[in-house]
Amino acid sequence: MNTYQDPYNTFAGFSPEELGFLQHATPDLTESQKKYFYMVYSNKRKNSQDILLFTLLGFVGFAGIQRFVLGQVGMGILYFFTGGLCIIGTIVDLINNKSITLEYNKNMAYESYQMAKMSS
């Protein structure tokens, strides 16, 4: 009987694309490296619903918060001072929030993978 629990099931808002990416990215890690990877990645990843909420704040005067949360400080400042690029950029981010979040999560998975490979 396999007592190993799939740690991917513990993340909220996990998309099938993200799950597939992670399963293909981590097969060569040892068990201890995988545990370390999961620990680091779970602290770094963002939920697309949170990014959606931050994007919606752009319509009430706080444009660009989603870009700051995703580590894109330059774009966040640009969005803030231009009113979300005259609201057009905010609408585009609203439509593409899942792909923006997935791209960020892939970058964080790569960083977490590199950290896990250096551990143990």
N, C-alpha and C. Protein backbone atom coordinates (compact mmCIF):
# COMPACT_ATOMS: atom_id res chain seq x y z
N MET A 1 0.84 -1.17 0.00
CA MET A 1 0.00 0.00 0.00
C MET A 1 0.89 1.24 0.00
N ASN A 2 0.58 2.20 -0.85
CA ASN A 2 1.36 3.42 -0.97
C ASN A 2 0.85 4.45 0.03
N THR A 3 1.69 4.79 1.00
CA THR A 3 1.31 5.77 2.02
C THR A 3 1.75 7.17 1.64
N TYR A 4 2.38 7.31 0.48
CA TYR A 4 2.85 8.60 0.03
C TYR A 4 1.67 9.42 -0.48
N GLN A 5 1.47 10.59 0.11
CA GLN A 5 0.38 11.47 -0.31
C GLN A 5 0.93 12.46 -1.33
N ASP A 6 0.20 12.67 -2.40
CA ASP A 6 0.62 13.59 -3.44
C ASP A 6 0.53 15.02 -2.89
N PRO A 7 1.66 15.70 -2.71
CA PRO A 7 1.64 17.04 -2.12
C PRO A 7 0.97 18.08 -3.01
N TYR A 8 0.82 17.79 -4.30
CA TYR A 8 0.16 18.74 -5.19
C TYR A 8 -1.30 18.94 -4.80
N ASN A 9 -1.89 17.94 -4.17
CA ASN A 9 -3.30 18.04 -3.79
C ASN A 9 -3.52 19.03 -2.65
N THR A 10 -2.48 19.46 -1.99
CA THR A 10 -2.63 20.38 -0.86
C THR A 10 -2.68 21.84 -1.28
N PHE A 11 -2.37 22.16 -2.54
CA PHE A 11 -2.37 23.55 -3.00
C PHE A 11 -3.76 23.96 -3.43
N ALA A 12 -4.17 25.16 -3.05
CA ALA A 12 -5.46 25.69 -3.47
C ALA A 12 -5.34 26.31 -4.85
N GLY A 13 -6.36 26.14 -5.66
CA GLY A 13 -6.38 26.77 -6.97
C GLY A 13 -5.41 26.20 -7.97
N PHE A 14 -5.14 24.93 -7.88
CA PHE A 14 -4.19 24.28 -8.77
C PHE A 14 -4.85 24.03 -10.13
N SER A 15 -4.28 24.57 -11.19
CA SER A 15 -4.83 24.34 -12.53
C SER A 15 -4.23 23.06 -13.11
N PRO A 16 -4.93 22.40 -14.02
CA PRO A 16 -4.39 21.19 -14.65
C PRO A 16 -3.07 21.46 -15.39
N GLU A 17 -2.95 22.66 -15.99
CA GLU A 17 -1.71 23.01 -16.69
C GLU A 17 -0.53 23.07 -15.73
N GLU A 18 -0.78 23.67 -14.56
CA GLU A 18 0.29 23.79 -13.57
C GLU A 18 0.66 22.42 -13.01
N LEU A 19 -0.33 21.60 -12.74
CA LEU A 19 -0.09 20.26 -12.23
C LEU A 19 0.74 19.45 -13.23
N GLY A 20 0.37 19.50 -14.50
CA GLY A 20 1.13 18.78 -15.53
C GLY A 20 2.55 19.28 -15.64
N PHE A 21 2.72 20.59 -15.58
CA PHE A 21 4.06 21.16 -15.66
C PHE A 21 4.93 20.68 -14.50
N LEU A 22 4.38 20.70 -13.29
CA LEU A 22 5.16 20.29 -12.11
C LEU A 22 5.50 18.81 -12.13
N GLN A 23 4.57 17.99 -12.57
CA GLN A 23 4.83 16.56 -12.62
C GLN A 23 5.92 16.22 -13.63
N HIS A 24 6.00 16.98 -14.72
CA HIS A 24 7.05 16.75 -15.70
C HIS A 24 8.37 17.38 -15.30
N ALA A 25 8.33 18.37 -14.41
CA ALA A 25 9.54 19.09 -14.04
C ALA A 25 10.30 18.43 -12.89
N THR A 26 9.64 17.58 -12.11
CA THR A 26 10.27 17.07 -10.88
C THR A 26 10.52 15.56 -10.81
N PRO A 27 10.46 14.80 -11.88
CA PRO A 27 10.61 13.35 -11.71
C PRO A 27 12.01 12.90 -11.31
N ASP A 28 13.02 13.71 -11.60
CA ASP A 28 14.39 13.29 -11.28
C ASP A 28 14.85 13.69 -9.89
N LEU A 29 13.96 14.29 -9.09
CA LEU A 29 14.33 14.66 -7.73
C LEU A 29 14.17 13.48 -6.79
N THR A 30 15.04 13.40 -5.79
CA THR A 30 14.89 12.37 -4.76
C THR A 30 13.71 12.74 -3.87
N GLU A 31 13.30 11.84 -3.00
CA GLU A 31 12.16 12.11 -2.11
C GLU A 31 12.42 13.32 -1.22
N SER A 32 13.60 13.42 -0.65
CA SER A 32 13.90 14.57 0.22
C SER A 32 13.96 15.86 -0.59
N GLN A 33 14.47 15.78 -1.81
CA GLN A 33 14.49 16.97 -2.67
C GLN A 33 13.08 17.38 -3.07
N LYS A 34 12.21 16.40 -3.32
CA LYS A 34 10.82 16.72 -3.66
C LYS A 34 10.11 17.40 -2.50
N LYS A 35 10.33 16.91 -1.29
CA LYS A 35 9.72 17.54 -0.12
C LYS A 35 10.20 18.98 0.03
N TYR A 36 11.49 19.18 -0.19
CA TYR A 36 12.04 20.54 -0.12
C TYR A 36 11.45 21.40 -1.23
N PHE A 37 11.36 20.84 -2.44
CA PHE A 37 10.76 21.57 -3.57
C PHE A 37 9.33 21.99 -3.24
N TYR A 38 8.51 21.06 -2.73
CA TYR A 38 7.12 21.36 -2.41
C TYR A 38 7.02 22.45 -1.36
N MET A 39 7.90 22.39 -0.36
CA MET A 39 7.88 23.38 0.71
C MET A 39 8.20 24.77 0.15
N VAL A 40 9.25 24.88 -0.65
CA VAL A 40 9.66 26.16 -1.21
C VAL A 40 8.61 26.66 -2.21
N TYR A 41 8.17 25.78 -3.10
CA TYR A 41 7.23 26.19 -4.14
C TYR A 41 5.89 26.63 -3.55
N SER A 42 5.42 25.95 -2.53
CA SER A 42 4.13 26.31 -1.94
C SER A 42 4.16 27.71 -1.34
N ASN A 43 5.33 28.16 -0.90
CA ASN A 43 5.44 29.51 -0.36
C ASN A 43 5.58 30.57 -1.44
N LYS A 44 6.02 30.17 -2.62
CA LYS A 44 6.26 31.14 -3.69
C LYS A 44 5.11 31.28 -4.68
N ARG A 45 4.34 30.22 -4.89
CA ARG A 45 3.32 30.24 -5.94
C ARG A 45 2.18 31.18 -5.59
N LYS A 46 1.51 31.66 -6.62
CA LYS A 46 0.35 32.54 -6.47
C LYS A 46 -0.89 31.83 -7.01
N ASN A 47 -2.03 32.17 -6.45
CA ASN A 47 -3.30 31.62 -6.87
C ASN A 47 -3.91 32.57 -7.90
N SER A 48 -4.43 32.05 -9.00
CA SER A 48 -4.98 32.90 -10.05
C SER A 48 -6.21 33.68 -9.58
N GLN A 49 -6.94 33.15 -8.61
CA GLN A 49 -8.10 33.89 -8.09
C GLN A 49 -7.65 35.12 -7.31
N ASP A 50 -6.53 35.02 -6.61
CA ASP A 50 -6.00 36.19 -5.91
C ASP A 50 -5.56 37.26 -6.91
N ILE A 51 -4.92 36.84 -7.98
CA ILE A 51 -4.48 37.79 -9.01
C ILE A 51 -5.70 38.43 -9.67
N LEU A 52 -6.76 37.66 -9.87
CA LEU A 52 -8.00 38.20 -10.42
C LEU A 52 -8.56 39.29 -9.51
N LEU A 53 -8.58 39.05 -8.22
CA LEU A 53 -9.07 40.05 -7.26
C LEU A 53 -8.21 41.30 -7.27
N PHE A 54 -6.90 41.13 -7.31
CA PHE A 54 -6.01 42.29 -7.37
C PHE A 54 -6.21 43.08 -8.67
N THR A 55 -6.47 42.38 -9.76
CA THR A 55 -6.72 43.05 -11.03
C THR A 55 -8.02 43.85 -10.97
N LEU A 56 -9.04 43.28 -10.35
CA LEU A 56 -10.32 43.99 -10.22
C LEU A 56 -10.17 45.28 -9.42
N LEU A 57 -9.22 45.33 -8.50
CA LEU A 57 -8.97 46.57 -7.76
C LEU A 57 -8.52 47.70 -8.68
N GLY A 58 -7.99 47.35 -9.85
CA GLY A 58 -7.58 48.35 -10.82
C GLY A 58 -8.73 49.20 -11.33
N PHE A 59 -9.95 48.69 -11.24
CA PHE A 59 -11.11 49.45 -11.70
C PHE A 59 -11.61 50.45 -10.66
N VAL A 60 -11.12 50.36 -9.43
CA VAL A 60 -11.54 51.31 -8.39
C VAL A 60 -10.39 52.22 -7.97
N GLY A 61 -9.37 52.33 -8.78
CA GLY A 61 -8.32 53.30 -8.53
C GLY A 61 -6.97 52.77 -8.09
N PHE A 62 -6.83 51.46 -7.93
CA PHE A 62 -5.55 50.89 -7.48
C PHE A 62 -4.94 50.05 -8.59
N ALA A 63 -4.81 50.61 -9.75
CA ALA A 63 -4.31 49.87 -10.91
C ALA A 63 -2.86 49.43 -10.70
N GLY A 64 -2.55 48.22 -11.10
CA GLY A 64 -1.19 47.70 -11.08
C GLY A 64 -0.83 46.85 -9.89
N ILE A 65 -1.72 46.70 -8.94
CA ILE A 65 -1.40 45.89 -7.75
C ILE A 65 -1.04 44.47 -8.16
N GLN A 66 -1.75 43.91 -9.14
CA GLN A 66 -1.47 42.55 -9.57
C GLN A 66 -0.05 42.42 -10.11
N ARG A 67 0.45 43.46 -10.74
CA ARG A 67 1.82 43.41 -11.26
C ARG A 67 2.85 43.48 -10.13
N PHE A 68 2.56 44.27 -9.10
CA PHE A 68 3.45 44.31 -7.94
C PHE A 68 3.50 42.94 -7.26
N VAL A 69 2.34 42.31 -7.09
CA VAL A 69 2.25 41.00 -6.43
C VAL A 69 3.06 39.96 -7.21
N LEU A 70 3.07 40.07 -8.53
CA LEU A 70 3.78 39.12 -9.37
C LEU A 70 5.25 39.49 -9.57
N GLY A 71 5.72 40.50 -8.85
CA GLY A 71 7.13 40.87 -8.91
C GLY A 71 7.50 41.74 -10.09
N GLN A 72 6.53 42.25 -10.82
CA GLN A 72 6.79 43.10 -11.98
C GLN A 72 6.62 44.56 -11.55
N VAL A 73 7.60 45.06 -10.80
CA VAL A 73 7.51 46.37 -10.19
C VAL A 73 7.42 47.48 -11.24
N GLY A 74 8.22 47.38 -12.29
CA GLY A 74 8.19 48.40 -13.34
C GLY A 74 6.82 48.52 -13.99
N MET A 75 6.23 47.38 -14.33
CA MET A 75 4.88 47.40 -14.92
C MET A 75 3.86 47.89 -13.90
N GLY A 76 4.04 47.54 -12.64
CA GLY A 76 3.13 48.01 -11.60
C GLY A 76 3.13 49.53 -11.49
N ILE A 77 4.32 50.11 -11.52
CA ILE A 77 4.44 51.57 -11.47
C ILE A 77 3.80 52.19 -12.70
N LEU A 78 4.07 51.62 -13.87
CA LEU A 78 3.49 52.12 -15.11
C LEU A 78 1.97 52.06 -15.06
N TYR A 79 1.42 50.94 -14.64
CA TYR A 79 -0.04 50.80 -14.51
C TYR A 79 -0.59 51.81 -13.52
N PHE A 80 0.09 52.00 -12.40
CA PHE A 80 -0.40 52.89 -11.36
C PHE A 80 -0.50 54.33 -11.86
N PHE A 81 0.55 54.81 -12.53
CA PHE A 81 0.57 56.20 -12.97
C PHE A 81 -0.21 56.46 -14.25
N THR A 82 -0.55 55.43 -14.99
CA THR A 82 -1.33 55.63 -16.22
C THR A 82 -2.76 55.12 -16.09
N GLY A 83 -3.18 54.81 -14.87
CA GLY A 83 -4.55 54.31 -14.67
C GLY A 83 -4.76 52.98 -15.36
N GLY A 84 -3.81 52.09 -15.20
CA GLY A 84 -3.93 50.76 -15.82
C GLY A 84 -3.81 50.85 -17.33
N LEU A 85 -2.89 51.74 -17.77
CA LEU A 85 -2.73 52.04 -19.21
C LEU A 85 -4.09 52.41 -19.80
N CYS A 86 -4.70 53.41 -19.13
CA CYS A 86 -6.03 53.91 -19.51
C CYS A 86 -7.07 52.79 -19.49
N ILE A 87 -7.00 51.95 -18.49
CA ILE A 87 -7.91 50.84 -18.20
C ILE A 87 -7.75 49.68 -19.20
N ILE A 88 -7.17 49.91 -20.34
CA ILE A 88 -7.03 48.84 -21.34
C ILE A 88 -6.12 47.73 -20.82
N GLY A 89 -5.00 48.09 -20.19
CA GLY A 89 -4.08 47.09 -19.65
C GLY A 89 -4.72 46.28 -18.54
N THR A 90 -5.55 46.94 -17.74
CA THR A 90 -6.25 46.24 -16.66
C THR A 90 -7.25 45.24 -17.24
N ILE A 91 -7.94 45.62 -18.31
CA ILE A 91 -8.89 44.70 -18.95
C ILE A 91 -8.15 43.50 -19.54
N VAL A 92 -7.01 43.76 -20.17
CA VAL A 92 -6.21 42.67 -20.73
C VAL A 92 -5.74 41.73 -19.62
N ASP A 93 -5.28 42.29 -18.51
CA ASP A 93 -4.86 41.46 -17.38
C ASP A 93 -6.03 40.70 -16.79
N LEU A 94 -7.20 41.29 -16.79
CA LEU A 94 -8.39 40.62 -16.29
C LEU A 94 -8.70 39.38 -17.13
N ILE A 95 -8.57 39.52 -18.43
CA ILE A 95 -8.83 38.40 -19.34
C ILE A 95 -7.74 37.33 -19.24
N ASN A 96 -6.50 37.78 -19.09
CA ASN A 96 -5.34 36.86 -19.11
C ASN A 96 -4.81 36.53 -17.72
N ASN A 97 -5.59 36.70 -16.66
CA ASN A 97 -5.05 36.51 -15.32
C ASN A 97 -4.53 35.09 -15.09
N LYS A 98 -5.17 34.10 -15.67
CA LYS A 98 -4.71 32.71 -15.47
C LYS A 98 -3.36 32.47 -16.14
N SER A 99 -3.19 32.99 -17.35
CA SER A 99 -1.92 32.76 -18.04
C SER A 99 -0.79 33.57 -17.40
N ILE A 100 -1.10 34.76 -16.90
CA ILE A 100 -0.08 35.56 -16.22
C ILE A 100 0.36 34.84 -14.95
N THR A 101 -0.61 34.30 -14.20
CA THR A 101 -0.29 33.57 -12.97
C THR A 101 0.48 32.30 -13.27
N LEU A 102 0.09 31.57 -14.32
CA LEU A 102 0.79 30.34 -14.69
C LEU A 102 2.25 30.63 -15.06
N GLU A 103 2.47 31.70 -15.79
CA GLU A 103 3.84 32.08 -16.16
C GLU A 103 4.67 32.38 -14.91
N TYR A 104 4.09 33.13 -13.99
CA TYR A 104 4.78 33.43 -12.74
C TYR A 104 5.08 32.14 -11.97
N ASN A 105 4.08 31.25 -11.86
CA ASN A 105 4.26 30.00 -11.13
C ASN A 105 5.31 29.10 -11.77
N LYS A 106 5.39 29.11 -13.09
CA LYS A 106 6.42 28.33 -13.77
C LYS A 106 7.81 28.85 -13.41
N ASN A 107 7.96 30.17 -13.37
CA ASN A 107 9.25 30.76 -12.98
C ASN A 107 9.59 30.40 -11.54
N MET A 108 8.60 30.42 -10.67
CA MET A 108 8.84 30.07 -9.26
C MET A 108 9.15 28.58 -9.12
N ALA A 109 8.53 27.75 -9.95
CA ALA A 109 8.82 26.31 -9.93
C ALA A 109 10.26 26.07 -10.38
N TYR A 110 10.70 26.80 -11.39
CA TYR A 110 12.09 26.66 -11.85
C TYR A 110 13.06 27.06 -10.75
N GLU A 111 12.79 28.20 -10.08
CA GLU A 111 13.66 28.62 -8.98
C GLU A 111 13.66 27.59 -7.85
N SER A 112 12.48 27.09 -7.53
CA SER A 112 12.35 26.10 -6.45
C SER A 112 13.07 24.80 -6.82
N TYR A 113 12.98 24.42 -8.09
CA TYR A 113 13.67 23.23 -8.59
C TYR A 113 15.17 23.37 -8.43
N GLN A 114 15.69 24.54 -8.80
CA GLN A 114 17.14 24.78 -8.68
C GLN A 114 17.58 24.74 -7.22
N MET A 115 16.77 25.28 -6.33
CA MET A 115 17.09 25.22 -4.90
C MET A 115 17.05 23.78 -4.39
N ALA A 116 16.06 23.01 -4.86
CA ALA A 116 15.93 21.62 -4.42
C ALA A 116 17.10 20.77 -4.92
N LYS A 117 17.55 21.03 -6.13
CA LYS A 117 18.68 20.26 -6.68
C LYS A 117 19.96 20.52 -5.88
N MET A 118 20.09 21.72 -5.33
CA MET A 118 21.29 22.06 -4.56
C MET A 118 21.21 21.53 -3.13
N SER A 119 20.00 21.19 -2.68
CA SER A 119 19.87 20.69 -1.30
C SER A 119 20.21 19.20 -1.26
N SER A 120 20.53 18.74 -0.11
CA SER A 120 20.90 17.34 0.19
C SER A 120 21.96 16.87 -0.73
